[in-house]
């Protein structure tokens, strides 16, 4: 069982991910600023990070988390993988997962990065 932080401003995406990640300890953040704060407090093993959010986007949050913990495993989740995926990889994300995703793709990533 892993500690996983889900960061997305869309409550539906967070709820779907929580169902797919059943059995793990889940924390949720609604924007990049919360993500950075929650990462420092909870020290999750994996972060699923949306790219486009209010207050602080996923690119900036990824950079800030990696400044704090260079070994953080951040997986970008986005519907705009072609446009925004490379920005997230350049910021330090380990992988880009395109929305909509499947339970299998989520579980494969969990196995890969734990």
PDB file of N, CA and C in Angstrom:
ATOM      1  N   UNK A   1       0.850  -1.190   0.000  1.00  0.00           N
ATOM      2  CA  UNK A   1       0.000   0.000   0.000  1.00  0.00           C
ATOM      3  C   UNK A   1       0.888   1.243   0.000  1.00  0.00           C
ATOM      4  N   UNK A   2       0.637   2.115  -0.952  1.00  0.00           N
ATOM      5  CA  UNK A   2       1.456   3.318  -1.117  1.00  0.00           C
ATOM      6  C   UNK A   2       0.670   4.559  -0.715  1.00  0.00           C
ATOM      7  N   UNK A   3       1.428   5.607  -0.370  1.00  0.00           N
ATOM      8  CA  UNK A   3       0.824   6.930  -0.159  1.00  0.00           C
ATOM      9  C   UNK A   3       0.870   7.653  -1.497  1.00  0.00           C
ATOM     10  N   UNK A   4      -0.300   8.070  -1.971  1.00  0.00           N
ATOM     11  CA  UNK A   4      -0.404   8.690  -3.288  1.00  0.00           C
ATOM     12  C   UNK A   4      -1.131  10.022  -3.159  1.00  0.00           C
ATOM     13  N   UNK A   5      -0.569  11.046  -3.795  1.00  0.00           N
ATOM     14  CA  UNK A   5      -1.189  12.369  -3.832  1.00  0.00           C
ATOM     15  C   UNK A   5      -1.791  12.577  -5.219  1.00  0.00           C
ATOM     16  N   UNK A   6      -3.090  12.861  -5.242  1.00  0.00           N
ATOM     17  CA  UNK A   6      -3.794  13.176  -6.485  1.00  0.00           C
ATOM     18  C   UNK A   6      -4.008  14.685  -6.525  1.00  0.00           C
ATOM     19  N   UNK A   7      -3.538  15.317  -7.596  1.00  0.00           N
ATOM     20  CA  UNK A   7      -3.654  16.772  -7.731  1.00  0.00           C
ATOM     21  C   UNK A   7      -4.432  17.076  -9.007  1.00  0.00           C
ATOM     22  N   UNK A   8      -5.650  17.567  -8.841  1.00  0.00           N
ATOM     23  CA  UNK A   8      -6.480  17.924  -9.996  1.00  0.00           C
ATOM     24  C   UNK A   8      -7.589  18.855  -9.514  1.00  0.00           C
ATOM     25  N   UNK A   9      -7.869  19.890 -10.292  1.00  0.00           N
ATOM     26  CA  UNK A   9      -8.933  20.811  -9.907  1.00  0.00           C
ATOM     27  C   UNK A   9     -10.317  20.249 -10.227  1.00  0.00           C
ATOM     28  N   UNK A  10     -10.383  19.150 -10.952  1.00  0.00           N
ATOM     29  CA  UNK A  10     -11.648  18.519 -11.321  1.00  0.00           C
ATOM     30  C   UNK A  10     -11.959  17.404 -10.321  1.00  0.00           C
ATOM     31  N   UNK A  11     -13.019  17.599  -9.533  1.00  0.00           N
ATOM     32  CA  UNK A  11     -13.381  16.626  -8.501  1.00  0.00           C
ATOM     33  C   UNK A  11     -13.690  15.262  -9.115  1.00  0.00           C
ATOM     34  N   UNK A  12     -14.258  15.221 -10.304  1.00  0.00           N
ATOM     35  CA  UNK A  12     -14.586  13.948 -10.958  1.00  0.00           C
ATOM     36  C   UNK A  12     -13.324  13.146 -11.249  1.00  0.00           C
ATOM     37  N   UNK A  13     -12.292  13.803 -11.735  1.00  0.00           N
ATOM     38  CA  UNK A  13     -11.022  13.112 -12.007  1.00  0.00           C
ATOM     39  C   UNK A  13     -10.449  12.560 -10.708  1.00  0.00           C
ATOM     40  N   UNK A  14     -10.488  13.363  -9.645  1.00  0.00           N
ATOM     41  CA  UNK A  14      -9.972  12.883  -8.351  1.00  0.00           C
ATOM     42  C   UNK A  14     -10.755  11.673  -7.869  1.00  0.00           C
ATOM     43  N   UNK A  15     -12.080  11.705  -8.010  1.00  0.00           N
ATOM     44  CA  UNK A  15     -12.915  10.583  -7.560  1.00  0.00           C
ATOM     45  C   UNK A  15     -12.621   9.324  -8.373  1.00  0.00           C
ATOM     46  N   UNK A  16     -12.486   9.451  -9.691  1.00  0.00           N
ATOM     47  CA  UNK A  16     -12.176   8.293 -10.545  1.00  0.00           C
ATOM     48  C   UNK A  16     -10.829   7.705 -10.154  1.00  0.00           C
ATOM     49  N   UNK A  17      -9.839   8.555  -9.953  1.00  0.00           N
ATOM     50  CA  UNK A  17      -8.515   8.055  -9.554  1.00  0.00           C
ATOM     51  C   UNK A  17      -8.576   7.367  -8.192  1.00  0.00           C
ATOM     52  N   UNK A  18      -9.338   7.913  -7.261  1.00  0.00           N
ATOM     53  CA  UNK A  18      -9.452   7.278  -5.940  1.00  0.00           C
ATOM     54  C   UNK A  18     -10.022   5.868  -6.066  1.00  0.00           C
ATOM     55  N   UNK A  19     -11.027   5.696  -6.915  1.00  0.00           N
ATOM     56  CA  UNK A  19     -11.605   4.359  -7.122  1.00  0.00           C
ATOM     57  C   UNK A  19     -10.568   3.429  -7.732  1.00  0.00           C
ATOM     58  N   UNK A  20      -9.834   3.927  -8.725  1.00  0.00           N
ATOM     59  CA  UNK A  20      -8.824   3.100  -9.393  1.00  0.00           C
ATOM     60  C   UNK A  20      -7.656   2.763  -8.476  1.00  0.00           C
ATOM     61  N   UNK A  21      -7.416   3.600  -7.486  1.00  0.00           N
ATOM     62  CA  UNK A  21      -6.282   3.411  -6.570  1.00  0.00           C
ATOM     63  C   UNK A  21      -6.722   2.817  -5.233  1.00  0.00           C
ATOM     64  N   UNK A  22      -7.861   2.160  -5.236  1.00  0.00           N
ATOM     65  CA  UNK A  22      -8.388   1.540  -4.022  1.00  0.00           C
ATOM     66  C   UNK A  22      -7.330   0.646  -3.390  1.00  0.00           C
ATOM     67  N   UNK A  23      -7.198   0.749  -2.087  1.00  0.00           N
ATOM     68  CA  UNK A  23      -6.201  -0.045  -1.385  1.00  0.00           C
ATOM     69  C   UNK A  23      -4.959   0.751  -1.024  1.00  0.00           C
ATOM     70  N   UNK A  24      -4.816   1.934  -1.602  1.00  0.00           N
ATOM     71  CA  UNK A  24      -3.691   2.811  -1.283  1.00  0.00           C
ATOM     72  C   UNK A  24      -4.178   3.956  -0.395  1.00  0.00           C
ATOM     73  N   UNK A  25      -3.261   4.600   0.290  1.00  0.00           N
ATOM     74  CA  UNK A  25      -3.590   5.775   1.089  1.00  0.00           C
ATOM     75  C   UNK A  25      -3.565   6.982   0.156  1.00  0.00           C
ATOM     76  N   UNK A  26      -4.698   7.666   0.040  1.00  0.00           N
ATOM     77  CA  UNK A  26      -4.853   8.737  -0.931  1.00  0.00           C
ATOM     78  C   UNK A  26      -5.004  10.089  -0.236  1.00  0.00           C
ATOM     79  N   UNK A  27      -4.265  11.067  -0.749  1.00  0.00           N
ATOM     80  CA  UNK A  27      -4.438  12.471  -0.364  1.00  0.00           C
ATOM     81  C   UNK A  27      -4.843  13.213  -1.631  1.00  0.00           C
ATOM     82  N   UNK A  28      -5.600  14.291  -1.468  1.00  0.00           N
ATOM     83  CA  UNK A  28      -6.061  15.049  -2.625  1.00  0.00           C
ATOM     84  C   UNK A  28      -5.707  16.525  -2.471  1.00  0.00           C
ATOM     85  N   UNK A  29      -5.324  17.125  -3.583  1.00  0.00           N
ATOM     86  CA  UNK A  29      -5.095  18.575  -3.640  1.00  0.00           C
ATOM     87  C   UNK A  29      -5.809  19.096  -4.884  1.00  0.00           C
ATOM     88  N   UNK A  30      -6.279  20.347  -4.803  1.00  0.00           N
ATOM     89  CA  UNK A  30      -7.072  20.902  -5.905  1.00  0.00           C
ATOM     90  C   UNK A  30      -6.282  21.870  -6.783  1.00  0.00           C
ATOM     91  N   UNK A  31      -5.042  22.179  -6.404  1.00  0.00           N
ATOM     92  CA  UNK A  31      -4.214  23.064  -7.239  1.00  0.00           C
ATOM     93  C   UNK A  31      -2.742  22.847  -6.876  1.00  0.00           C
ATOM     94  N   UNK A  32      -1.865  23.475  -7.629  1.00  0.00           N
ATOM     95  CA  UNK A  32      -0.435  23.286  -7.431  1.00  0.00           C
ATOM     96  C   UNK A  32       0.081  23.779  -6.088  1.00  0.00           C
ATOM     97  N   UNK A  33      -0.489  24.876  -5.588  1.00  0.00           N
ATOM     98  CA  UNK A  33      -0.038  25.385  -4.289  1.00  0.00           C
ATOM     99  C   UNK A  33      -0.322  24.368  -3.193  1.00  0.00           C
ATOM    100  N   UNK A  34      -1.537  23.804  -3.195  1.00  0.00           N
ATOM    101  CA  UNK A  34      -1.863  22.755  -2.221  1.00  0.00           C
ATOM    102  C   UNK A  34      -0.953  21.553  -2.410  1.00  0.00           C
ATOM    103  N   UNK A  35      -0.670  21.202  -3.653  1.00  0.00           N
ATOM    104  CA  UNK A  35       0.164  20.036  -3.944  1.00  0.00           C
ATOM    105  C   UNK A  35       1.530  20.150  -3.287  1.00  0.00           C
ATOM    106  N   UNK A  36       2.145  21.302  -3.411  1.00  0.00           N
ATOM    107  CA  UNK A  36       3.480  21.505  -2.819  1.00  0.00           C
ATOM    108  C   UNK A  36       3.396  21.380  -1.305  1.00  0.00           C
ATOM    109  N   UNK A  37       2.408  22.024  -0.716  1.00  0.00           N
ATOM    110  CA  UNK A  37       2.241  21.986   0.739  1.00  0.00           C
ATOM    111  C   UNK A  37       1.974  20.553   1.211  1.00  0.00           C
ATOM    112  N   UNK A  38       1.059  19.847   0.541  1.00  0.00           N
ATOM    113  CA  UNK A  38       0.716  18.482   0.935  1.00  0.00           C
ATOM    114  C   UNK A  38       1.892  17.533   0.724  1.00  0.00           C
ATOM    115  N   UNK A  39       2.653  17.740  -0.339  1.00  0.00           N
ATOM    116  CA  UNK A  39       3.813  16.875  -0.586  1.00  0.00           C
ATOM    117  C   UNK A  39       4.780  16.958   0.592  1.00  0.00           C
ATOM    118  N   UNK A  40       5.066  18.175   1.022  1.00  0.00           N
ATOM    119  CA  UNK A  40       6.019  18.356   2.121  1.00  0.00           C
ATOM    120  C   UNK A  40       5.508  17.732   3.413  1.00  0.00           C
ATOM    121  N   UNK A  41       4.203  17.781   3.627  1.00  0.00           N
ATOM    122  CA  UNK A  41       3.632  17.273   4.868  1.00  0.00           C
ATOM    123  C   UNK A  41       3.481  15.747   4.847  1.00  0.00           C
ATOM    124  N   UNK A  42       2.944  15.198   3.756  1.00  0.00           N
ATOM    125  CA  UNK A  42       2.613  13.771   3.697  1.00  0.00           C
ATOM    126  C   UNK A  42       3.708  12.894   3.106  1.00  0.00           C
ATOM    127  N   UNK A  43       4.618  13.463   2.317  1.00  0.00           N
ATOM    128  CA  UNK A  43       5.693  12.712   1.667  1.00  0.00           C
ATOM    129  C   UNK A  43       5.160  11.488   0.905  1.00  0.00           C
ATOM    130  N   UNK A  44       4.267  11.702  -0.064  1.00  0.00           N
ATOM    131  CA  UNK A  44       3.731  10.562  -0.815  1.00  0.00           C
ATOM    132  C   UNK A  44       4.796   9.914  -1.692  1.00  0.00           C
ATOM    133  N   UNK A  45       4.562   8.646  -2.028  1.00  0.00           N
ATOM    134  CA  UNK A  45       5.508   7.920  -2.871  1.00  0.00           C
ATOM    135  C   UNK A  45       5.310   8.231  -4.352  1.00  0.00           C
ATOM    136  N   UNK A  46       4.081   8.587  -4.720  1.00  0.00           N
ATOM    137  CA  UNK A  46       3.759   8.932  -6.103  1.00  0.00           C
ATOM    138  C   UNK A  46       2.788  10.112  -6.101  1.00  0.00           C
ATOM    139  N   UNK A  47       2.949  10.998  -7.078  1.00  0.00           N
ATOM    140  CA  UNK A  47       2.026  12.125  -7.266  1.00  0.00           C
ATOM    141  C   UNK A  47       1.450  12.035  -8.672  1.00  0.00           C
ATOM    142  N   UNK A  48       0.115  12.055  -8.764  1.00  0.00           N
ATOM    143  CA  UNK A  48      -0.553  12.198 -10.054  1.00  0.00           C
ATOM    144  C   UNK A  48      -0.925  13.671 -10.168  1.00  0.00           C
ATOM    145  N   UNK A  49      -0.305  14.385 -11.100  1.00  0.00           N
ATOM    146  CA  UNK A  49      -0.392  15.852 -11.182  1.00  0.00           C
ATOM    147  C   UNK A  49      -1.064  16.303 -12.477  1.00  0.00           C
ATOM    148  N   UNK A  50      -2.207  16.965 -12.338  1.00  0.00           N
ATOM    149  CA  UNK A  50      -2.832  17.598 -13.495  1.00  0.00           C
ATOM    150  C   UNK A  50      -1.924  18.731 -13.956  1.00  0.00           C
ATOM    151  N   UNK A  51      -2.041  19.111 -15.211  1.00  0.00           N
ATOM    152  CA  UNK A  51      -1.185  20.166 -15.747  1.00  0.00           C
ATOM    153  C   UNK A  51      -1.846  21.537 -15.610  1.00  0.00           C
ATOM    154  N   UNK A  52      -3.074  21.634 -16.076  1.00  0.00           N
ATOM    155  CA  UNK A  52      -3.736  22.931 -16.113  1.00  0.00           C
ATOM    156  C   UNK A  52      -4.679  23.084 -14.918  1.00  0.00           C
ATOM    157  N   UNK A  53      -4.275  23.961 -13.960  1.00  0.00           N
ATOM    158  CA  UNK A  53      -5.050  24.203 -12.741  1.00  0.00           C
ATOM    159  C   UNK A  53      -4.948  25.675 -12.373  1.00  0.00           C
ATOM    160  N   UNK A  54      -5.904  26.159 -11.572  1.00  0.00           N
ATOM    161  CA  UNK A  54      -5.824  27.544 -11.106  1.00  0.00           C
ATOM    162  C   UNK A  54      -4.744  27.723 -10.037  1.00  0.00           C
ATOM    163  N   UNK A  55      -4.386  28.941  -9.778  1.00  0.00           N
ATOM    164  CA  UNK A  55      -3.435  29.366  -8.735  1.00  0.00           C
ATOM    165  C   UNK A  55      -1.983  28.992  -9.042  1.00  0.00           C
ATOM    166  N   UNK A  56      -1.718  27.705  -9.275  1.00  0.00           N
ATOM    167  CA  UNK A  56      -0.381  27.273  -9.688  1.00  0.00           C
ATOM    168  C   UNK A  56      -0.567  26.038 -10.558  1.00  0.00           C
ATOM    169  N   UNK A  57      -0.040  26.060 -11.773  1.00  0.00           N
ATOM    170  CA  UNK A  57      -0.227  24.912 -12.667  1.00  0.00           C
ATOM    171  C   UNK A  57       0.707  23.756 -12.288  1.00  0.00           C
ATOM    172  N   UNK A  58       0.500  22.633 -12.963  1.00  0.00           N
ATOM    173  CA  UNK A  58       1.272  21.441 -12.660  1.00  0.00           C
ATOM    174  C   UNK A  58       2.752  21.561 -12.972  1.00  0.00           C
ATOM    175  N   UNK A  59       3.084  22.353 -13.982  1.00  0.00           N
ATOM    176  CA  UNK A  59       4.498  22.535 -14.339  1.00  0.00           C
ATOM    177  C   UNK A  59       5.240  23.205 -13.186  1.00  0.00           C
ATOM    178  N   UNK A  60       4.691  24.306 -12.693  1.00  0.00           N
ATOM    179  CA  UNK A  60       5.328  25.043 -11.588  1.00  0.00           C
ATOM    180  C   UNK A  60       5.357  24.211 -10.310  1.00  0.00           C
ATOM    181  N   UNK A  61       4.255  23.522 -10.021  1.00  0.00           N
ATOM    182  CA  UNK A  61       4.199  22.683  -8.812  1.00  0.00           C
ATOM    183  C   UNK A  61       5.215  21.553  -8.887  1.00  0.00           C
ATOM    184  N   UNK A  62       5.370  20.962 -10.065  1.00  0.00           N
ATOM    185  CA  UNK A  62       6.350  19.887 -10.246  1.00  0.00           C
ATOM    186  C   UNK A  62       7.756  20.402  -9.954  1.00  0.00           C
ATOM    187  N   UNK A  63       8.079  21.562 -10.495  1.00  0.00           N
ATOM    188  CA  UNK A  63       9.407  22.148 -10.255  1.00  0.00           C
ATOM    189  C   UNK A  63       9.634  22.398  -8.770  1.00  0.00           C
ATOM    190  N   UNK A  64       8.625  22.936  -8.082  1.00  0.00           N
ATOM    191  CA  UNK A  64       8.777  23.243  -6.651  1.00  0.00           C
ATOM    192  C   UNK A  64       8.919  21.973  -5.813  1.00  0.00           C
ATOM    193  N   UNK A  65       8.142  20.955  -6.134  1.00  0.00           N
ATOM    194  CA  UNK A  65       8.253  19.692  -5.395  1.00  0.00           C
ATOM    195  C   UNK A  65       9.634  19.076  -5.613  1.00  0.00           C
ATOM    196  N   UNK A  66      10.128  19.113  -6.843  1.00  0.00           N
ATOM    197  CA  UNK A  66      11.444  18.529  -7.131  1.00  0.00           C
ATOM    198  C   UNK A  66      12.589  19.343  -6.533  1.00  0.00           C
ATOM    199  N   UNK A  67      12.402  20.645  -6.334  1.00  0.00           N
ATOM    200  CA  UNK A  67      13.401  21.438  -5.604  1.00  0.00           C
ATOM    201  C   UNK A  67      13.490  20.936  -4.173  1.00  0.00           C
ATOM    202  N   UNK A  68      12.336  20.618  -3.587  1.00  0.00           N
ATOM    203  CA  UNK A  68      12.266  20.134  -2.212  1.00  0.00           C
ATOM    204  C   UNK A  68      12.758  18.688  -2.109  1.00  0.00           C
ATOM    205  N   UNK A  69      12.347  17.848  -3.075  1.00  0.00           N
ATOM    206  CA  UNK A  69      12.699  16.427  -3.061  1.00  0.00           C
ATOM    207  C   UNK A  69      13.013  15.975  -4.487  1.00  0.00           C
ATOM    208  N   UNK A  70      14.291  15.983  -4.859  1.00  0.00           N
ATOM    209  CA  UNK A  70      14.678  15.609  -6.228  1.00  0.00           C
ATOM    210  C   UNK A  70      14.296  14.184  -6.621  1.00  0.00           C
ATOM    211  N   UNK A  71      13.966  13.334  -5.663  1.00  0.00           N
ATOM    212  CA  UNK A  71      13.597  11.956  -5.989  1.00  0.00           C
ATOM    213  C   UNK A  71      12.083  11.759  -6.110  1.00  0.00           C
ATOM    214  N   UNK A  72      11.304  12.823  -6.041  1.00  0.00           N
ATOM    215  CA  UNK A  72       9.843  12.714  -6.139  1.00  0.00           C
ATOM    216  C   UNK A  72       9.441  12.086  -7.462  1.00  0.00           C
ATOM    217  N   UNK A  73       8.435  11.219  -7.406  1.00  0.00           N
ATOM    218  CA  UNK A  73       7.911  10.561  -8.606  1.00  0.00           C
ATOM    219  C   UNK A  73       6.583  11.228  -8.959  1.00  0.00           C
ATOM    220  N   UNK A  74       6.629  12.099  -9.961  1.00  0.00           N
ATOM    221  CA  UNK A  74       5.454  12.859 -10.367  1.00  0.00           C
ATOM    222  C   UNK A  74       5.033  12.398 -11.754  1.00  0.00           C
ATOM    223  N   UNK A  75       3.772  11.965 -11.840  1.00  0.00           N
ATOM    224  CA  UNK A  75       3.205  11.514 -13.104  1.00  0.00           C
ATOM    225  C   UNK A  75       2.194  12.568 -13.543  1.00  0.00           C
ATOM    226  N   UNK A  76       2.437  13.160 -14.699  1.00  0.00           N
ATOM    227  CA  UNK A  76       1.526  14.177 -15.228  1.00  0.00           C
ATOM    228  C   UNK A  76       0.276  13.502 -15.777  1.00  0.00           C
ATOM    229  N   UNK A  77      -0.884  14.092 -15.483  1.00  0.00           N
ATOM    230  CA  UNK A  77      -2.128  13.625 -16.094  1.00  0.00           C
ATOM    231  C   UNK A  77      -2.740  14.808 -16.840  1.00  0.00           C
ATOM    232  N   UNK A  78      -3.006  14.599 -18.126  1.00  0.00           N
ATOM    233  CA  UNK A  78      -3.498  15.702 -18.931  1.00  0.00           C
ATOM    234  C   UNK A  78      -4.277  15.207 -20.138  1.00  0.00           C
ATOM    235  N   UNK A  79      -5.245  15.996 -20.537  1.00  0.00           N
ATOM    236  CA  UNK A  79      -5.976  15.719 -21.778  1.00  0.00           C
ATOM    237  C   UNK A  79      -5.222  16.306 -22.968  1.00  0.00           C
ATOM    238  N   UNK A  80      -4.180  17.078 -22.683  1.00  0.00           N
ATOM    239  CA  UNK A  80      -3.427  17.779 -23.724  1.00  0.00           C
ATOM    240  C   UNK A  80      -1.988  17.260 -23.777  1.00  0.00           C
ATOM    241  N   UNK A  81      -1.844  15.937 -23.831  1.00  0.00           N
ATOM    242  CA  UNK A  81      -0.518  15.326 -23.735  1.00  0.00           C
ATOM    243  C   UNK A  81       0.438  15.823 -24.811  1.00  0.00           C
ATOM    244  N   UNK A  82      -0.063  16.019 -26.006  1.00  0.00           N
ATOM    245  CA  UNK A  82       0.820  16.449 -27.091  1.00  0.00           C
ATOM    246  C   UNK A  82       1.379  17.837 -26.811  1.00  0.00           C
ATOM    247  N   UNK A  83       0.510  18.759 -26.355  1.00  0.00           N
ATOM    248  CA  UNK A  83       0.952  20.136 -26.115  1.00  0.00           C
ATOM    249  C   UNK A  83       1.656  20.303 -24.769  1.00  0.00           C
ATOM    250  N   UNK A  84       1.087  19.729 -23.719  1.00  0.00           N
ATOM    251  CA  UNK A  84       1.565  20.004 -22.364  1.00  0.00           C
ATOM    252  C   UNK A  84       2.473  18.919 -21.791  1.00  0.00           C
ATOM    253  N   UNK A  85       2.439  17.744 -22.375  1.00  0.00           N
ATOM    254  CA  UNK A  85       3.233  16.639 -21.839  1.00  0.00           C
ATOM    255  C   UNK A  85       4.715  16.923 -21.802  1.00  0.00           C
ATOM    256  N   UNK A  86       5.249  17.490 -22.869  1.00  0.00           N
ATOM    257  CA  UNK A  86       6.683  17.777 -22.906  1.00  0.00           C
ATOM    258  C   UNK A  86       7.074  18.812 -21.865  1.00  0.00           C
ATOM    259  N   UNK A  87       6.196  19.794 -21.627  1.00  0.00           N
ATOM    260  CA  UNK A  87       6.465  20.791 -20.572  1.00  0.00           C
ATOM    261  C   UNK A  87       6.612  20.111 -19.217  1.00  0.00           C
ATOM    262  N   UNK A  88       5.742  19.131 -18.946  1.00  0.00           N
ATOM    263  CA  UNK A  88       5.807  18.424 -17.664  1.00  0.00           C
ATOM    264  C   UNK A  88       7.062  17.566 -17.576  1.00  0.00           C
ATOM    265  N   UNK A  89       7.426  16.897 -18.663  1.00  0.00           N
ATOM    266  CA  UNK A  89       8.660  16.105 -18.659  1.00  0.00           C
ATOM    267  C   UNK A  89       9.871  17.005 -18.461  1.00  0.00           C
ATOM    268  N   UNK A  90       9.872  18.159 -19.112  1.00  0.00           N
ATOM    269  CA  UNK A  90      10.969  19.111 -18.949  1.00  0.00           C
ATOM    270  C   UNK A  90      11.049  19.630 -17.515  1.00  0.00           C
ATOM    271  N   UNK A  91       9.891  19.720 -16.844  1.00  0.00           N
ATOM    272  CA  UNK A  91       9.859  20.180 -15.456  1.00  0.00           C
ATOM    273  C   UNK A  91      10.317  19.091 -14.489  1.00  0.00           C
ATOM    274  N   UNK A  92      10.347  17.831 -14.966  1.00  0.00           N
ATOM    275  CA  UNK A  92      10.844  16.749 -14.119  1.00  0.00           C
ATOM    276  C   UNK A  92       9.878  15.611 -13.875  1.00  0.00           C
ATOM    277  N   UNK A  93       8.687  15.652 -14.471  1.00  0.00           N
ATOM    278  CA  UNK A  93       7.754  14.530 -14.319  1.00  0.00           C
ATOM    279  C   UNK A  93       8.398  13.269 -14.904  1.00  0.00           C
ATOM    280  N   UNK A  94       8.110  12.119 -14.294  1.00  0.00           N
ATOM    281  CA  UNK A  94       8.700  10.865 -14.758  1.00  0.00           C
ATOM    282  C   UNK A  94       7.922  10.259 -15.921  1.00  0.00           C
ATOM    283  N   UNK A  95       6.680  10.697 -16.093  1.00  0.00           N
ATOM    284  CA  UNK A  95       5.816  10.085 -17.104  1.00  0.00           C
ATOM    285  C   UNK A  95       4.641  11.028 -17.365  1.00  0.00           C
ATOM    286  N   UNK A  96       4.022  10.872 -18.537  1.00  0.00           N
ATOM    287  CA  UNK A  96       2.807  11.612 -18.870  1.00  0.00           C
ATOM    288  C   UNK A  96       1.709  10.600 -19.175  1.00  0.00           C
ATOM    289  N   UNK A  97       0.602  10.729 -18.477  1.00  0.00           N
ATOM    290  CA  UNK A  97      -0.549   9.855 -18.664  1.00  0.00           C
ATOM    291  C   UNK A  97      -1.674  10.692 -19.258  1.00  0.00           C
ATOM    292  N   UNK A  98      -2.133  10.263 -20.427  1.00  0.00           N
ATOM    293  CA  UNK A  98      -3.169  11.039 -21.111  1.00  0.00           C
ATOM    294  C   UNK A  98      -4.557  10.667 -20.605  1.00  0.00           C
ATOM    295  N   UNK A  99      -5.384  11.702 -20.364  1.00  0.00           N
ATOM    296  CA  UNK A  99      -6.787  11.485 -20.020  1.00  0.00           C
ATOM    297  C   UNK A  99      -7.541  11.224 -21.318  1.00  0.00           C
ATOM    298  N   UNK A 100      -8.524  10.341 -21.338  1.00  0.00           N
ATOM    299  CA  UNK A 100      -8.940   9.492 -20.217  1.00  0.00           C
ATOM    300  C   UNK A 100      -7.987   8.308 -20.075  1.00  0.00           C
ATOM    301  N   UNK A 101      -7.821   7.851 -18.851  1.00  0.00           N
ATOM    302  CA  UNK A 101      -6.918   6.741 -18.574  1.00  0.00           C
ATOM    303  C   UNK A 101      -7.721   5.551 -18.085  1.00  0.00           C
ATOM    304  N   UNK A 102      -7.065   4.410 -18.002  1.00  0.00           N
ATOM    305  CA  UNK A 102      -7.725   3.177 -17.568  1.00  0.00           C
ATOM    306  C   UNK A 102      -7.142   2.712 -16.237  1.00  0.00           C
ATOM    307  N   UNK A 103      -7.869   1.838 -15.585  1.00  0.00           N
ATOM    308  CA  UNK A 103      -7.375   1.247 -14.333  1.00  0.00           C
ATOM    309  C   UNK A 103      -6.057   0.516 -14.594  1.00  0.00           C
ATOM    310  N   UNK A 104      -5.969  -0.176 -15.740  1.00  0.00           N
ATOM    311  CA  UNK A 104      -4.740  -0.906 -16.064  1.00  0.00           C
ATOM    312  C   UNK A 104      -3.560   0.051 -16.221  1.00  0.00           C
ATOM    313  N   UNK A 105      -3.762   1.178 -16.920  1.00  0.00           N
ATOM    314  CA  UNK A 105      -2.649   2.120 -17.101  1.00  0.00           C
ATOM    315  C   UNK A 105      -2.208   2.704 -15.755  1.00  0.00           C
ATOM    316  N   UNK A 106      -3.160   2.972 -14.875  1.00  0.00           N
ATOM    317  CA  UNK A 106      -2.828   3.480 -13.535  1.00  0.00           C
ATOM    318  C   UNK A 106      -2.047   2.424 -12.756  1.00  0.00           C
ATOM    319  N   UNK A 107      -2.554   1.199 -12.738  1.00  0.00           N
ATOM    320  CA  UNK A 107      -1.885   0.131 -11.982  1.00  0.00           C
ATOM    321  C   UNK A 107      -0.503  -0.186 -12.537  1.00  0.00           C
ATOM    322  N   UNK A 108      -0.359  -0.137 -13.857  1.00  0.00           N
ATOM    323  CA  UNK A 108       0.965  -0.364 -14.464  1.00  0.00           C
ATOM    324  C   UNK A 108       1.960   0.696 -13.977  1.00  0.00           C
ATOM    325  N   UNK A 109       1.510   1.945 -13.890  1.00  0.00           N
ATOM    326  CA  UNK A 109       2.392   3.015 -13.427  1.00  0.00           C
ATOM    327  C   UNK A 109       2.748   2.862 -11.945  1.00  0.00           C
ATOM    328  N   UNK A 110       1.782   2.459 -11.143  1.00  0.00           N
ATOM    329  CA  UNK A 110       2.039   2.223  -9.716  1.00  0.00           C
ATOM    330  C   UNK A 110       3.130   1.155  -9.565  1.00  0.00           C
ATOM    331  N   UNK A 111       2.969   0.052 -10.285  1.00  0.00           N
ATOM    332  CA  UNK A 111       3.965  -1.027 -10.216  1.00  0.00           C
ATOM    333  C   UNK A 111       5.330  -0.550 -10.694  1.00  0.00           C
ATOM    334  N   UNK A 112       5.336   0.245 -11.742  1.00  0.00           N
ATOM    335  CA  UNK A 112       6.603   0.723 -12.324  1.00  0.00           C
ATOM    336  C   UNK A 112       7.369   1.626 -11.367  1.00  0.00           C
ATOM    337  N   UNK A 113       6.647   2.484 -10.614  1.00  0.00           N
ATOM    338  CA  UNK A 113       7.341   3.506  -9.814  1.00  0.00           C
ATOM    339  C   UNK A 113       7.378   3.230  -8.315  1.00  0.00           C
ATOM    340  N   UNK A 114       6.856   2.098  -7.877  1.00  0.00           N
ATOM    341  CA  UNK A 114       6.990   1.770  -6.445  1.00  0.00           C
ATOM    342  C   UNK A 114       8.166   0.856  -6.207  1.00  0.00           C
TER     343      UNK A 114
END
